[in-house]
Amino acid sequence: MRDREDTRFRVLVLDFDGVLTPRIEVDWLLVKKEASKLVGIEIASLLDFYRSYFGTEAFEKVSNLVKKYEVKAVSKTELTPCMDELLEKAAEKGVKIYVATMQAREPIQIFLHRYGLEKYVTKIVCREDFADKRSMLAFILNDAGALPNEAIFVDDMYRNIKQCMELGLVCIRAERDKRKFVETVAKLLGLHLECLESFGD
């Protein structure tokens, strides 16, 4: 029945950069340059580096270097409008909320605490746990005891949405218009968000 559509989702998985926040202000070119110098490897993509070197000493060194920049940046990082109401109402409905991010755990904890949102989040799954989103999502499904079609995943990168689709979750790409994905998630969960009425004002 169509009116029961909103009851089937038990898990909401959110990326951090581009989803929980519109953007984390880090000079990634500078970070890659410093990271390359630190480990003596040319790092063109941090995501590719994490995947290739996960679990190694080089990974630890680069991850810790990047974390310093991330921690500094989150003090100025804004919350995506309506995200606080979305998390609160989803949690009240019994939805388990996870953050799946290629950032480090500490900056996410700082960010969530700053906005008083940590109480709504079941778990943060980050690059210190897994080197790619597919592994994160597989872990989260198992941790939540949920089927893929009972989980919604929101990310702003196509490569991560592709991995999500392969696992069979409901995948939503957060593009430039942040209102659109918040509205879509709220609708799927059967939530009425008052703040959507003034989003962007």
C-alpha atoms as a PDB file:
ATOM      1  CA  MET A   1       0.000   0.000   0.000  1.00  0.00           C
ATOM      2  CA  ARG A   2       1.303   3.427  -0.936  1.00  0.00           C
ATOM      3  CA  ASP A   3       0.536   5.092   2.408  1.00  0.00           C
ATOM      4  CA  ARG A   4       2.885   2.645   4.119  1.00  0.00           C
ATOM      5  CA  GLU A   5       5.833   3.614   1.901  1.00  0.00           C
ATOM      6  CA  ASP A   6       7.354   5.799   4.596  1.00  0.00           C
ATOM      7  CA  THR A   7       7.429   2.966   7.178  1.00  0.00           C
ATOM      8  CA  ARG A   8       9.855   0.683   5.342  1.00  0.00           C
ATOM      9  CA  PHE A   9      13.012   2.751   5.837  1.00  0.00           C
ATOM     10  CA  ARG A  10      14.880   1.916   9.009  1.00  0.00           C
ATOM     11  CA  VAL A  11      18.293   3.385   8.213  1.00  0.00           C
ATOM     12  CA  LEU A  12      19.500   6.779   6.956  1.00  0.00           C
ATOM     13  CA  VAL A  13      23.156   7.078   5.921  1.00  0.00           C
ATOM     14  CA  LEU A  14      24.583  10.547   5.286  1.00  0.00           C
ATOM     15  CA  ASP A  15      27.901  11.687   3.853  1.00  0.00           C
ATOM     16  CA  PHE A  16      29.501  14.661   5.598  1.00  0.00           C
ATOM     17  CA  ASP A  17      31.100  17.007   3.056  1.00  0.00           C
ATOM     18  CA  GLY A  18      28.374  18.092   0.616  1.00  0.00           C
ATOM     19  CA  VAL A  19      25.542  16.555   2.641  1.00  0.00           C
ATOM     20  CA  LEU A  20      25.602  17.331   6.389  1.00  0.00           C
ATOM     21  CA  THR A  21      27.458  20.481   5.441  1.00  0.00           C
ATOM     22  CA  PRO A  22      27.324  22.215   2.044  1.00  0.00           C
ATOM     23  CA  ARG A  23      31.114  22.307   2.014  1.00  0.00           C
ATOM     24  CA  ILE A  24      34.110  21.864   4.309  1.00  0.00           C
ATOM     25  CA  GLU A  25      36.604  24.637   3.607  1.00  0.00           C
ATOM     26  CA  VAL A  26      39.932  22.859   3.183  1.00  0.00           C
ATOM     27  CA  ASP A  27      42.632  23.787   0.658  1.00  0.00           C
ATOM     28  CA  TRP A  28      42.873  20.280  -0.789  1.00  0.00           C
ATOM     29  CA  LEU A  29      45.646  21.211  -3.266  1.00  0.00           C
ATOM     30  CA  LEU A  30      47.846  22.359  -0.384  1.00  0.00           C
ATOM     31  CA  VAL A  31      46.953  19.273   1.663  1.00  0.00           C
ATOM     32  CA  LYS A  32      47.835  16.908  -1.210  1.00  0.00           C
ATOM     33  CA  LYS A  33      51.140  18.730  -1.720  1.00  0.00           C
ATOM     34  CA  GLU A  34      52.048  18.414   1.979  1.00  0.00           C
ATOM     35  CA  ALA A  35      50.873  14.796   2.128  1.00  0.00           C
ATOM     36  CA  SER A  36      52.936  13.892  -0.968  1.00  0.00           C
ATOM     37  CA  LYS A  37      56.028  15.432   0.606  1.00  0.00           C
ATOM     38  CA  LEU A  38      55.373  13.657   3.912  1.00  0.00           C
ATOM     39  CA  VAL A  39      55.334  10.129   2.452  1.00  0.00           C
ATOM     40  CA  GLY A  40      57.431  10.640  -0.708  1.00  0.00           C
ATOM     41  CA  ILE A  41      54.588   9.594  -3.014  1.00  0.00           C
ATOM     42  CA  GLU A  42      52.846  11.793  -5.573  1.00  0.00           C
ATOM     43  CA  ILE A  43      49.244  11.944  -4.333  1.00  0.00           C
ATOM     44  CA  ALA A  44      46.918  13.078  -7.115  1.00  0.00           C
ATOM     45  CA  SER A  45      43.769  11.896  -5.318  1.00  0.00           C
ATOM     46  CA  LEU A  46      43.442  11.427  -1.568  1.00  0.00           C
ATOM     47  CA  LEU A  47      40.524   9.020  -2.064  1.00  0.00           C
ATOM     48  CA  ASP A  48      42.623   6.816  -4.365  1.00  0.00           C
ATOM     49  CA  PHE A  49      45.536   7.030  -1.941  1.00  0.00           C
ATOM     50  CA  TYR A  50      43.379   5.953   1.009  1.00  0.00           C
ATOM     51  CA  ARG A  51      42.090   2.961  -0.942  1.00  0.00           C
ATOM     52  CA  SER A  52      45.559   1.871  -2.084  1.00  0.00           C
ATOM     53  CA  TYR A  53      47.407   2.401   1.204  1.00  0.00           C
ATOM     54  CA  PHE A  54      44.723   1.633   3.792  1.00  0.00           C
ATOM     55  CA  GLY A  55      46.210  -0.056   6.868  1.00  0.00           C
ATOM     56  CA  THR A  56      49.781   1.061   6.156  1.00  0.00           C
ATOM     57  CA  GLU A  57      52.074   3.477   7.981  1.00  0.00           C
ATOM     58  CA  ALA A  58      51.847   5.859   5.005  1.00  0.00           C
ATOM     59  CA  PHE A  59      48.049   5.877   5.347  1.00  0.00           C
ATOM     60  CA  GLU A  60      48.275   6.713   9.060  1.00  0.00           C
ATOM     61  CA  LYS A  61      50.690   9.585   8.433  1.00  0.00           C
ATOM     62  CA  VAL A  62      48.592  11.135   5.674  1.00  0.00           C
ATOM     63  CA  SER A  63      45.297  10.576   7.492  1.00  0.00           C
ATOM     64  CA  ASN A  64      46.628  12.305  10.613  1.00  0.00           C
ATOM     65  CA  LEU A  65      47.975  15.215   8.574  1.00  0.00           C
ATOM     66  CA  VAL A  66      44.644  15.672   6.781  1.00  0.00           C
ATOM     67  CA  LYS A  67      42.761  15.370  10.080  1.00  0.00           C
ATOM     68  CA  LYS A  68      44.523  18.486  11.415  1.00  0.00           C
ATOM     69  CA  TYR A  69      43.160  20.504   8.495  1.00  0.00           C
ATOM     70  CA  GLU A  70      39.700  18.973   8.862  1.00  0.00           C
ATOM     71  CA  VAL A  71      39.536  19.728  12.600  1.00  0.00           C
ATOM     72  CA  LYS A  72      40.529  23.341  11.951  1.00  0.00           C
ATOM     73  CA  ALA A  73      37.952  23.668   9.145  1.00  0.00           C
ATOM     74  CA  VAL A  74      34.923  22.323  11.045  1.00  0.00           C
ATOM     75  CA  SER A  75      34.986  25.289  13.431  1.00  0.00           C
ATOM     76  CA  LYS A  76      33.766  27.390  10.462  1.00  0.00           C
ATOM     77  CA  THR A  77      31.744  24.713   8.675  1.00  0.00           C
ATOM     78  CA  GLU A  78      28.011  25.381   8.404  1.00  0.00           C
ATOM     79  CA  LEU A  79      25.178  22.893   8.784  1.00  0.00           C
ATOM     80  CA  THR A  80      23.069  22.245   5.696  1.00  0.00           C
ATOM     81  CA  PRO A  81      19.740  24.062   6.250  1.00  0.00           C
ATOM     82  CA  CYS A  82      16.950  21.868   7.708  1.00  0.00           C
ATOM     83  CA  MET A  83      19.415  19.066   8.531  1.00  0.00           C
ATOM     84  CA  ASP A  84      18.882  19.449  12.285  1.00  0.00           C
ATOM     85  CA  GLU A  85      15.101  19.063  11.946  1.00  0.00           C
ATOM     86  CA  LEU A  86      15.519  16.144   9.543  1.00  0.00           C
ATOM     87  CA  LEU A  87      17.799  14.257  11.957  1.00  0.00           C
ATOM     88  CA  GLU A  88      15.642  14.994  14.983  1.00  0.00           C
ATOM     89  CA  LYS A  89      12.393  13.866  13.358  1.00  0.00           C
ATOM     90  CA  ALA A  90      13.976  10.815  11.702  1.00  0.00           C
ATOM     91  CA  ALA A  91      15.468   9.716  15.041  1.00  0.00           C
ATOM     92  CA  GLU A  92      12.115  10.272  16.799  1.00  0.00           C
ATOM     93  CA  LYS A  93      10.556   7.949  14.240  1.00  0.00           C
ATOM     94  CA  GLY A  94      13.079   5.236  15.138  1.00  0.00           C
ATOM     95  CA  VAL A  95      15.289   5.557  12.063  1.00  0.00           C
ATOM     96  CA  LYS A  96      18.936   4.670  12.733  1.00  0.00           C
ATOM     97  CA  ILE A  97      21.167   7.464  11.449  1.00  0.00           C
ATOM     98  CA  TYR A  98      24.759   6.861  10.358  1.00  0.00           C
ATOM     99  CA  VAL A  99      27.425   9.212   9.029  1.00  0.00           C
ATOM    100  CA  ALA A 100      29.586   7.555   6.338  1.00  0.00           C
ATOM    101  CA  THR A 101      32.489   9.792   5.416  1.00  0.00           C
ATOM    102  CA  MET A 102      36.009   9.816   4.022  1.00  0.00           C
ATOM    103  CA  GLN A 103      36.822  12.445   6.648  1.00  0.00           C
ATOM    104  CA  ALA A 104      38.336  11.430   9.993  1.00  0.00           C
ATOM    105  CA  ARG A 105      36.142  10.672  13.012  1.00  0.00           C
ATOM    106  CA  GLU A 106      37.300  13.539  15.241  1.00  0.00           C
ATOM    107  CA  PRO A 107      36.175  16.459  13.027  1.00  0.00           C
ATOM    108  CA  ILE A 108      32.764  14.811  12.563  1.00  0.00           C
ATOM    109  CA  GLN A 109      32.380  14.426  16.331  1.00  0.00           C
ATOM    110  CA  ILE A 110      33.307  18.091  16.811  1.00  0.00           C
ATOM    111  CA  PHE A 111      30.837  19.170  14.114  1.00  0.00           C
ATOM    112  CA  LEU A 112      27.940  17.091  15.461  1.00  0.00           C
ATOM    113  CA  HIS A 113      28.573  18.291  19.016  1.00  0.00           C
ATOM    114  CA  ARG A 114      28.721  21.914  17.875  1.00  0.00           C
ATOM    115  CA  TYR A 115      25.206  21.643  16.459  1.00  0.00           C
ATOM    116  CA  GLY A 116      23.862  19.350  19.200  1.00  0.00           C
ATOM    117  CA  LEU A 117      23.258  16.501  16.748  1.00  0.00           C
ATOM    118  CA  GLU A 118      25.390  13.710  18.209  1.00  0.00           C
ATOM    119  CA  LYS A 119      22.408  12.315  20.148  1.00  0.00           C
ATOM    120  CA  TYR A 120      20.647  11.484  16.880  1.00  0.00           C
ATOM    121  CA  VAL A 121      23.569   9.621  15.267  1.00  0.00           C
ATOM    122  CA  THR A 122      23.909   5.886  15.847  1.00  0.00           C
ATOM    123  CA  LYS A 123      27.475   5.663  14.552  1.00  0.00           C
ATOM    124  CA  ILE A 124      30.135   7.519  12.577  1.00  0.00           C
ATOM    125  CA  VAL A 125      31.872   5.318   9.995  1.00  0.00           C
ATOM    126  CA  CYS A 126      34.947   7.002   8.555  1.00  0.00           C
ATOM    127  CA  ARG A 127      38.210   6.519   6.651  1.00  0.00           C
ATOM    128  CA  GLU A 128      39.877   5.163   9.796  1.00  0.00           C
ATOM    129  CA  ASP A 129      37.425   2.234   9.584  1.00  0.00           C
ATOM    130  CA  PHE A 130      37.163   1.566   5.831  1.00  0.00           C
ATOM    131  CA  ALA A 131      38.841   2.823   2.663  1.00  0.00           C
ATOM    132  CA  ASP A 132      35.724   3.152   0.497  1.00  0.00           C
ATOM    133  CA  LYS A 133      31.989   3.827   0.742  1.00  0.00           C
ATOM    134  CA  ARG A 134      30.951   0.384  -0.450  1.00  0.00           C
ATOM    135  CA  SER A 135      32.663  -1.240   2.557  1.00  0.00           C
ATOM    136  CA  MET A 136      31.155   1.383   4.865  1.00  0.00           C
ATOM    137  CA  LEU A 137      27.648   0.743   3.571  1.00  0.00           C
ATOM    138  CA  ALA A 138      28.007  -3.040   3.818  1.00  0.00           C
ATOM    139  CA  PHE A 139      29.149  -2.630   7.434  1.00  0.00           C
ATOM    140  CA  ILE A 140      26.268  -0.274   8.258  1.00  0.00           C
ATOM    141  CA  LEU A 141      23.633  -2.642   6.855  1.00  0.00           C
ATOM    142  CA  ASN A 142      25.063  -5.439   8.968  1.00  0.00           C
ATOM    143  CA  ASP A 143      25.395  -3.220  12.050  1.00  0.00           C
ATOM    144  CA  ALA A 144      21.793  -2.011  11.748  1.00  0.00           C
ATOM    145  CA  GLY A 145      20.450  -5.452  10.853  1.00  0.00           C
ATOM    146  CA  ALA A 146      18.767  -3.921   7.820  1.00  0.00           C
ATOM    147  CA  LEU A 147      18.065  -5.038   4.273  1.00  0.00           C
ATOM    148  CA  PRO A 148      19.445  -2.817   1.476  1.00  0.00           C
ATOM    149  CA  ASN A 149      15.947  -1.622   0.479  1.00  0.00           C
ATOM    150  CA  GLU A 150      15.343  -0.475   4.074  1.00  0.00           C
ATOM    151  CA  ALA A 151      18.225   2.010   3.894  1.00  0.00           C
ATOM    152  CA  ILE A 152      18.627   5.436   2.294  1.00  0.00           C
ATOM    153  CA  PHE A 153      22.100   6.714   1.409  1.00  0.00           C
ATOM    154  CA  VAL A 154      22.859  10.342   0.519  1.00  0.00           C
ATOM    155  CA  ASP A 155      26.176  11.373  -1.031  1.00  0.00           C
ATOM    156  CA  ASP A 156      27.355  14.111  -3.377  1.00  0.00           C
ATOM    157  CA  MET A 157      29.803  12.014  -5.428  1.00  0.00           C
ATOM    158  CA  TYR A 158      28.729   9.848  -8.345  1.00  0.00           C
ATOM    159  CA  ARG A 159      31.366   7.171  -7.638  1.00  0.00           C
ATOM    160  CA  ASN A 160      29.844   6.644  -4.175  1.00  0.00           C
ATOM    161  CA  ILE A 161      26.284   6.620  -5.502  1.00  0.00           C
ATOM    162  CA  LYS A 162      27.374   3.922  -7.984  1.00  0.00           C
ATOM    163  CA  GLN A 163      28.686   1.750  -5.120  1.00  0.00           C
ATOM    164  CA  CYS A 164      25.445   2.360  -3.240  1.00  0.00           C
ATOM    165  CA  MET A 165      23.381   1.249  -6.232  1.00  0.00           C
ATOM    166  CA  GLU A 166      25.433  -1.939  -6.568  1.00  0.00           C
ATOM    167  CA  LEU A 167      24.496  -2.831  -2.978  1.00  0.00           C
ATOM    168  CA  GLY A 168      20.803  -2.157  -3.616  1.00  0.00           C
ATOM    169  CA  LEU A 169      20.190   0.740  -1.224  1.00  0.00           C
ATOM    170  CA  VAL A 170      17.955   3.689  -2.069  1.00  0.00           C
ATOM    171  CA  CYS A 171      20.557   6.162  -3.321  1.00  0.00           C
ATOM    172  CA  ILE A 172      20.152   9.941  -3.433  1.00  0.00           C
ATOM    173  CA  ARG A 173      22.737  12.241  -4.923  1.00  0.00           C
ATOM    174  CA  ALA A 174      23.065  15.578  -3.136  1.00  0.00           C
ATOM    175  CA  GLU A 175      23.790  18.068  -5.870  1.00  0.00           C
ATOM    176  CA  ARG A 176      24.153  21.841  -5.633  1.00  0.00           C
ATOM    177  CA  ASP A 177      20.503  22.317  -4.668  1.00  0.00           C
ATOM    178  CA  LYS A 178      20.619  21.021  -1.082  1.00  0.00           C
ATOM    179  CA  ARG A 179      16.911  21.664  -0.514  1.00  0.00           C
ATOM    180  CA  LYS A 180      16.091  19.015  -3.111  1.00  0.00           C
ATOM    181  CA  PHE A 181      17.773  16.105  -1.337  1.00  0.00           C
ATOM    182  CA  VAL A 182      16.503  17.146   2.115  1.00  0.00           C
ATOM    183  CA  GLU A 183      12.993  17.306   0.691  1.00  0.00           C
ATOM    184  CA  THR A 184      13.395  13.909  -0.998  1.00  0.00           C
ATOM    185  CA  VAL A 185      14.652  12.217   2.174  1.00  0.00           C
ATOM    186  CA  ALA A 186      11.877  13.774   4.271  1.00  0.00           C
ATOM    187  CA  LYS A 187       9.278  12.545   1.789  1.00  0.00           C
ATOM    188  CA  LEU A 188      10.682   9.000   1.734  1.00  0.00           C
ATOM    189  CA  LEU A 189      10.635   8.906   5.538  1.00  0.00           C
ATOM    190  CA  GLY A 190       7.137  10.416   5.713  1.00  0.00           C
ATOM    191  CA  LEU A 191       8.340  13.476   7.629  1.00  0.00           C
ATOM    192  CA  HIS A 192       6.970  17.013   7.499  1.00  0.00           C
ATOM    193  CA  LEU A 193       9.790  19.530   7.955  1.00  0.00           C
ATOM    194  CA  GLU A 194       8.607  22.990   8.897  1.00  0.00           C
ATOM    195  CA  CYS A 195      11.927  24.574   7.994  1.00  0.00           C
ATOM    196  CA  LEU A 196      11.547  23.546   4.327  1.00  0.00           C
ATOM    197  CA  GLU A 197       8.906  26.242   4.031  1.00  0.00           C
ATOM    198  CA  SER A 198      11.559  28.916   4.606  1.00  0.00           C
ATOM    199  CA  PHE A 199      14.590  27.069   3.141  1.00  0.00           C
ATOM    200  CA  GLY A 200      16.742  29.525   1.227  1.00  0.00           C
ATOM    201  CA  ASP A 201      15.005  32.651   2.578  1.00  0.00           C
END
